Amino acid sequence: MASYFCLNYYNSTTGFSALHRTAKALISKQSYVFHHNYCCFSSDRAVSSSISTTGKEIRSTDLVALEYADLNLSEKISGEFGHVRIRQHVNPLSSTFRTPVEVPDWNEVYKDPTLPLMVDIGSGSGRFLIWLARRNPDSSNYLGLEIRQKLVKRAEFWVKELALGNIHFLFANVSVSFKQLVSTYPGPLMLVSILCPDPHFKKRHHKRRVVQKPLVDSIIDKLMPGGKVFVQSDVLEVALDMRNQFDVESDVLQHIDTVDPSVLCDNEGWLLNNPMGIRTEREIHAEFEGAKIYRRMYQKQI
């Protein structure tokens, strides 16, 4: 029996191009037969394309590989760093992760350490940030902070492989090291992203969640005027928790739709489109399984 999956197309230029890349790559595969059924929705003009395949079942991992195919990353090196599950939960309160990371020499890390900086908290495999860095080599620097060391090692291998001078990954617990790291960076902090963080579902483990008041305060304090915070999760409870902690800072942070009325939100205030131009791996897996992605973006008042 043929298997089916759905690709969601958004009306924003960046969102459409990111997903169109995946669809185009799939269509180019000769081992599949495709049948397209298009339908439009008035709310966001999203277009769904149901694609049936024969000969091989499409998996979400295939979509991840296709989404990031233009990076041409060496998958063969994965074995050198061992197998790491992206969704593997880590306890950031463990004594193992309480030592602050050593602040790097930013002049050695970046070709130009004065460029505006984006920090991705919980950068996972790093593909998302690497894609952005490669797309903006001369205008921005990128820093990925990840608590799973094997993922950081592999991401740094890819950075060297691509010879990128505007991106760096650090094995760090942001609850301990974020403030010190961004305080020593020579340039302005323009964007902080927290995308699909570990949910830590049990109530007694909520204190392990990455978005806590001290981190929110540090982000707001170090963010440049006009700088942005982007959060998202496929778990509504986690998304609401992050939203509540940033919404309460309304005297400093404005939700992006109040700054730019052209930004589309649903009736509950969640962004309809991904503003980054490409989906994260977790985002791809979740949407493949039919989950909704809950997004919010904030801008620091100028």
Protein backbone atom coordinates (compact mmCIF):
# COMPACT_ATOMS: atom_id res chain seq x y z
CA MET A 1 0.00 0.00 0.00
CA ALA A 2 1.26 3.45 -0.81
CA SER A 3 2.19 5.75 2.07
CA TYR A 4 1.22 9.39 2.32
CA PHE A 5 2.57 12.55 3.87
CA CYS A 6 1.72 16.22 3.76
CA LEU A 7 3.84 19.27 3.04
CA ASN A 8 2.47 22.61 4.27
CA TYR A 9 3.15 25.63 2.09
CA TYR A 10 2.89 29.10 3.56
CA ASN A 11 2.25 32.38 1.86
CA SER A 12 5.37 34.07 3.29
CA THR A 13 8.30 34.15 0.89
CA THR A 14 10.76 32.51 3.28
CA GLY A 15 8.36 29.83 4.47
CA PHE A 16 7.33 28.92 0.95
CA SER A 17 10.89 28.72 -0.37
CA ALA A 18 12.05 26.51 2.49
CA LEU A 19 9.30 23.97 1.96
CA HIS A 20 9.45 24.26 -1.82
CA ARG A 21 13.08 23.13 -1.61
CA THR A 22 11.98 19.93 0.08
CA ALA A 23 9.19 19.27 -2.40
CA LYS A 24 11.46 19.95 -5.37
CA ALA A 25 14.08 17.56 -4.03
CA LEU A 26 11.46 14.87 -3.50
CA ILE A 27 10.05 15.27 -6.97
CA SER A 28 13.54 14.89 -8.43
CA LYS A 29 13.82 11.43 -6.84
CA GLN A 30 13.22 8.90 -9.61
CA SER A 31 12.31 6.12 -7.19
CA TYR A 32 9.01 7.78 -6.27
CA VAL A 33 5.74 8.35 -8.09
CA PHE A 34 3.93 11.52 -7.01
CA HIS A 35 0.31 12.60 -7.15
CA HIS A 36 -0.44 16.19 -6.10
CA ASN A 37 -3.73 17.36 -4.63
CA TYR A 38 -3.79 21.06 -3.82
CA CYS A 39 -6.20 22.91 -1.58
CA CYS A 40 -6.12 26.48 -0.26
CA PHE A 41 -7.22 27.79 3.13
CA SER A 42 -8.45 31.35 3.53
CA SER A 43 -6.72 31.92 6.90
CA ASP A 44 -3.11 31.64 5.73
CA ARG A 45 -3.48 30.40 2.16
CA ALA A 46 -1.54 27.33 3.20
CA VAL A 47 -1.38 24.74 0.48
CA SER A 48 -1.25 21.05 1.28
CA SER A 49 0.27 18.63 -1.14
CA SER A 50 -0.47 14.97 -0.57
CA ILE A 51 2.21 12.92 -2.19
CA SER A 52 1.94 9.19 -2.57
CA THR A 53 5.01 7.08 -3.02
CA THR A 54 5.70 3.66 -4.37
CA GLY A 55 8.72 1.47 -3.81
CA LYS A 56 9.88 3.22 -0.62
CA GLU A 57 8.14 4.71 2.36
CA ILE A 58 8.97 8.35 3.07
CA ARG A 59 10.08 8.97 6.65
CA SER A 60 10.54 12.23 8.51
CA THR A 61 14.30 11.62 8.54
CA ASP A 62 14.19 11.64 4.74
CA LEU A 63 12.50 15.03 4.83
CA VAL A 64 15.17 16.38 7.18
CA ALA A 65 17.91 15.18 4.84
CA LEU A 66 16.16 16.76 1.87
CA GLU A 67 15.45 20.04 3.67
CA TYR A 68 19.16 20.46 4.36
CA ALA A 69 20.45 18.74 1.23
CA ASP A 70 22.13 21.88 -0.12
CA LEU A 71 24.55 21.87 2.84
CA ASN A 72 26.04 18.57 1.64
CA LEU A 73 27.02 17.59 5.18
CA SER A 74 29.02 14.42 5.72
CA GLU A 75 26.71 11.94 7.40
CA LYS A 76 29.43 9.28 7.45
CA ILE A 77 31.16 10.97 10.36
CA SER A 78 28.18 10.51 12.69
CA GLY A 79 29.50 7.19 13.94
CA GLU A 80 32.66 8.80 15.24
CA PHE A 81 30.63 10.72 17.81
CA GLY A 82 28.24 7.94 18.77
CA HIS A 83 24.47 7.85 18.51
CA VAL A 84 22.62 10.71 20.20
CA ARG A 85 18.87 11.10 20.23
CA ILE A 86 17.92 14.72 19.64
CA ARG A 87 14.88 14.34 21.91
CA GLN A 88 16.95 12.74 24.69
CA HIS A 89 16.17 14.71 27.85
CA VAL A 90 19.04 16.01 29.95
CA ASN A 91 18.77 17.29 33.51
CA PRO A 92 20.41 20.75 33.48
CA LEU A 93 20.26 20.86 37.28
CA SER A 94 22.66 17.94 37.57
CA SER A 95 26.06 18.76 39.07
CA THR A 96 27.57 17.51 35.81
CA PHE A 97 26.26 20.61 34.01
CA ARG A 98 26.72 23.27 36.69
CA THR A 99 30.23 24.38 35.73
CA PRO A 100 30.22 27.56 33.61
CA VAL A 101 31.67 27.15 30.15
CA GLU A 102 34.96 28.86 29.43
CA VAL A 103 34.36 32.02 27.41
CA PRO A 104 36.09 31.63 24.02
CA ASP A 105 38.35 34.19 22.40
CA TRP A 106 35.77 35.75 20.11
CA ASN A 107 38.50 37.01 17.76
CA GLU A 108 39.51 33.40 17.16
CA VAL A 109 35.96 32.10 16.92
CA TYR A 110 34.64 34.62 14.39
CA LYS A 111 36.16 36.29 11.38
CA ASP A 112 34.50 39.54 12.49
CA PRO A 113 33.39 39.43 16.15
CA THR A 114 31.67 42.82 15.94
CA LEU A 115 28.83 41.57 13.72
CA PRO A 116 25.32 41.23 15.21
CA LEU A 117 24.94 37.87 16.98
CA MET A 118 22.16 35.28 16.90
CA VAL A 119 22.16 32.75 19.75
CA ASP A 120 20.26 29.50 19.32
CA ILE A 121 19.57 27.98 22.73
CA GLY A 122 19.41 24.20 22.44
CA SER A 123 20.89 24.07 18.96
CA GLY A 124 20.53 20.29 18.61
CA SER A 125 22.33 18.88 15.59
CA GLY A 126 23.17 22.42 14.43
CA ARG A 127 21.88 22.08 10.88
CA PHE A 128 19.34 24.89 11.35
CA LEU A 129 21.97 27.37 12.51
CA ILE A 130 24.55 26.23 9.95
CA TRP A 131 22.04 26.84 7.16
CA LEU A 132 21.46 30.40 8.41
CA ALA A 133 25.19 31.07 8.82
CA ARG A 134 25.96 29.90 5.33
CA ARG A 135 23.15 32.08 3.97
CA ASN A 136 24.43 35.21 5.77
CA PRO A 137 28.24 34.91 5.81
CA ASP A 138 29.07 38.61 6.02
CA SER A 139 26.16 40.16 7.93
CA SER A 140 25.73 38.10 11.10
CA ASN A 141 27.44 35.73 13.51
CA TYR A 142 25.78 32.64 14.98
CA LEU A 143 26.30 30.86 18.29
CA GLY A 144 24.72 27.50 19.08
CA LEU A 145 24.50 26.47 22.73
CA GLU A 146 23.77 22.79 23.32
CA ILE A 147 23.89 20.62 26.45
CA ARG A 148 24.56 17.36 24.55
CA GLN A 149 28.29 17.32 23.90
CA LYS A 150 28.30 14.77 21.07
CA LEU A 151 25.98 16.98 19.04
CA VAL A 152 28.28 19.96 19.57
CA LYS A 153 31.33 18.00 18.41
CA ARG A 154 29.58 16.89 15.26
CA ALA A 155 28.27 20.40 14.53
CA GLU A 156 31.77 21.85 14.91
CA PHE A 157 33.05 19.20 12.51
CA TRP A 158 30.52 20.41 9.95
CA VAL A 159 31.49 24.05 10.53
CA LYS A 160 35.12 23.23 9.75
CA GLU A 161 34.08 21.12 6.77
CA LEU A 162 32.18 24.10 5.32
CA ALA A 163 34.94 26.57 6.33
CA LEU A 164 32.43 28.97 7.89
CA GLY A 165 33.88 31.90 9.80
CA ASN A 166 30.64 33.22 11.29
CA ILE A 167 29.35 30.33 13.40
CA HIS A 168 30.43 28.53 16.54
CA PHE A 169 28.95 25.84 18.79
CA LEU A 170 29.55 25.43 22.50
CA PHE A 171 28.77 22.62 24.92
CA ALA A 172 27.05 24.68 27.58
CA ASN A 173 24.22 24.85 30.07
CA VAL A 174 22.55 28.16 29.22
CA SER A 175 21.12 28.48 32.72
CA VAL A 176 24.69 28.75 33.97
CA SER A 177 26.61 30.30 31.07
CA PHE A 178 24.32 32.42 28.85
CA LYS A 179 24.75 35.73 30.66
CA GLN A 180 28.54 35.53 30.81
CA LEU A 181 28.86 34.49 27.18
CA VAL A 182 26.71 37.25 25.70
CA SER A 183 28.16 39.85 28.08
CA THR A 184 31.66 39.30 26.71
CA TYR A 185 30.68 39.24 23.03
CA PRO A 186 32.00 42.43 21.32
CA GLY A 187 29.03 42.99 19.03
CA PRO A 188 25.27 43.44 19.62
CA LEU A 189 22.91 40.57 20.46
CA MET A 190 20.28 40.73 17.72
CA LEU A 191 18.30 37.51 18.08
CA VAL A 192 17.78 34.67 20.55
CA SER A 193 15.90 31.55 19.49
CA ILE A 194 14.56 28.78 21.72
CA LEU A 195 13.06 26.19 19.42
CA CYS A 196 11.31 23.05 20.65
CA PRO A 197 13.21 22.77 23.96
CA ASP A 198 13.07 19.66 26.13
CA PRO A 199 9.50 19.61 27.49
CA HIS A 200 10.18 17.92 30.86
CA PHE A 201 6.53 16.92 31.10
CA LYS A 202 6.28 15.95 34.78
CA LYS A 203 5.34 18.84 37.04
CA ARG A 204 8.22 18.15 39.42
CA HIS A 205 10.59 18.48 36.46
CA HIS A 206 9.28 21.85 35.23
CA LYS A 207 12.16 23.50 37.06
CA ARG A 208 14.43 21.81 34.51
CA ARG A 209 12.86 23.68 31.60
CA VAL A 210 15.25 26.07 29.92
CA VAL A 211 12.99 29.14 29.97
CA GLN A 212 13.16 30.39 33.55
CA LYS A 213 12.96 33.93 34.92
CA PRO A 214 16.77 34.44 35.27
CA LEU A 215 17.31 33.47 31.61
CA VAL A 216 14.46 35.72 30.45
CA ASP A 217 15.98 38.62 32.41
CA SER A 218 19.43 37.99 30.90
CA ILE A 219 18.03 37.87 27.38
CA ILE A 220 16.12 41.12 27.82
CA ASP A 221 19.10 42.84 29.44
CA LYS A 222 21.59 41.91 26.72
CA LEU A 223 19.29 42.12 23.68
CA MET A 224 19.93 45.17 21.50
CA PRO A 225 17.07 47.68 20.97
CA GLY A 226 15.00 46.24 18.13
CA GLY A 227 16.46 42.78 18.78
CA LYS A 228 14.16 39.75 18.69
CA VAL A 229 13.32 36.62 20.64
CA PHE A 230 11.82 33.68 18.76
CA VAL A 231 10.31 30.72 20.62
CA GLN A 232 8.42 27.71 19.37
CA SER A 233 7.35 24.24 20.46
CA ASP A 234 5.25 21.38 19.21
CA VAL A 235 4.06 20.85 22.80
CA LEU A 236 1.30 23.33 23.66
CA GLU A 237 1.99 23.23 27.41
CA VAL A 238 5.64 24.14 26.85
CA ALA A 239 4.76 26.83 24.31
CA LEU A 240 2.30 28.38 26.77
CA ASP A 241 4.90 28.31 29.53
CA MET A 242 7.42 30.17 27.35
CA ARG A 243 4.76 32.55 26.09
CA ASN A 244 3.63 33.46 29.60
CA GLN A 245 7.17 34.21 30.73
CA PHE A 246 7.87 36.54 27.80
CA ASP A 247 4.39 38.09 27.63
CA VAL A 248 4.75 39.36 31.18
CA GLU A 249 7.67 41.53 30.00
CA SER A 250 5.36 43.63 27.83
CA ASP A 251 6.89 46.86 29.09
CA VAL A 252 10.11 45.88 27.30
CA LEU A 253 9.08 43.28 24.71
CA GLN A 254 6.36 43.64 22.10
CA HIS A 255 4.93 40.73 20.18
CA ILE A 256 5.95 41.07 16.56
CA ASP A 257 2.40 41.47 15.22
CA THR A 258 2.01 44.69 17.22
CA VAL A 259 5.19 46.02 15.60
CA ASP A 260 4.42 44.72 12.12
CA PRO A 261 0.67 44.31 11.42
CA SER A 262 1.45 42.30 8.28
CA VAL A 263 2.61 39.38 10.44
CA LEU A 264 -0.12 36.75 10.48
CA CYS A 265 -1.31 35.12 13.70
CA ASP A 266 -4.18 32.77 14.48
CA ASN A 267 -7.01 33.66 16.85
CA GLU A 268 -4.90 32.62 19.84
CA GLY A 269 -1.93 34.78 18.88
CA TRP A 270 0.40 32.09 17.54
CA LEU A 271 2.41 32.92 14.43
CA LEU A 272 1.05 31.18 11.36
CA ASN A 273 4.38 31.11 9.54
CA ASN A 274 7.94 30.27 10.45
CA PRO A 275 9.86 33.56 9.99
CA MET A 276 13.32 31.96 9.82
CA GLY A 277 13.23 30.64 6.26
CA ILE A 278 13.85 27.00 7.16
CA ARG A 279 12.37 24.49 9.56
CA THR A 280 14.25 22.88 12.43
CA GLU A 281 14.61 19.12 12.48
CA ARG A 282 12.16 18.74 15.34
CA GLU A 283 9.71 20.95 13.47
CA ILE A 284 9.92 18.69 10.43
CA HIS A 285 9.40 15.53 12.51
CA ALA A 286 6.45 17.06 14.39
CA GLU A 287 4.68 18.35 11.28
CA PHE A 288 5.21 14.98 9.61
CA GLU A 289 3.33 13.42 12.51
CA GLY A 290 0.52 15.96 12.14
CA ALA A 291 1.41 18.13 15.13
CA LYS A 292 0.93 21.90 15.24
CA ILE A 293 3.88 24.19 15.86
CA TYR A 294 3.21 27.02 18.33
CA ARG A 295 5.36 30.09 17.62
CA ARG A 296 5.87 33.51 19.16
CA MET A 297 8.32 36.27 18.25
CA TYR A 298 9.07 39.32 20.37
CA GLN A 299 10.95 42.53 19.65
CA LYS A 300 12.68 44.67 22.24
CA GLN A 301 11.40 48.18 22.23
CA ILE A 302 13.66 50.73 20.59
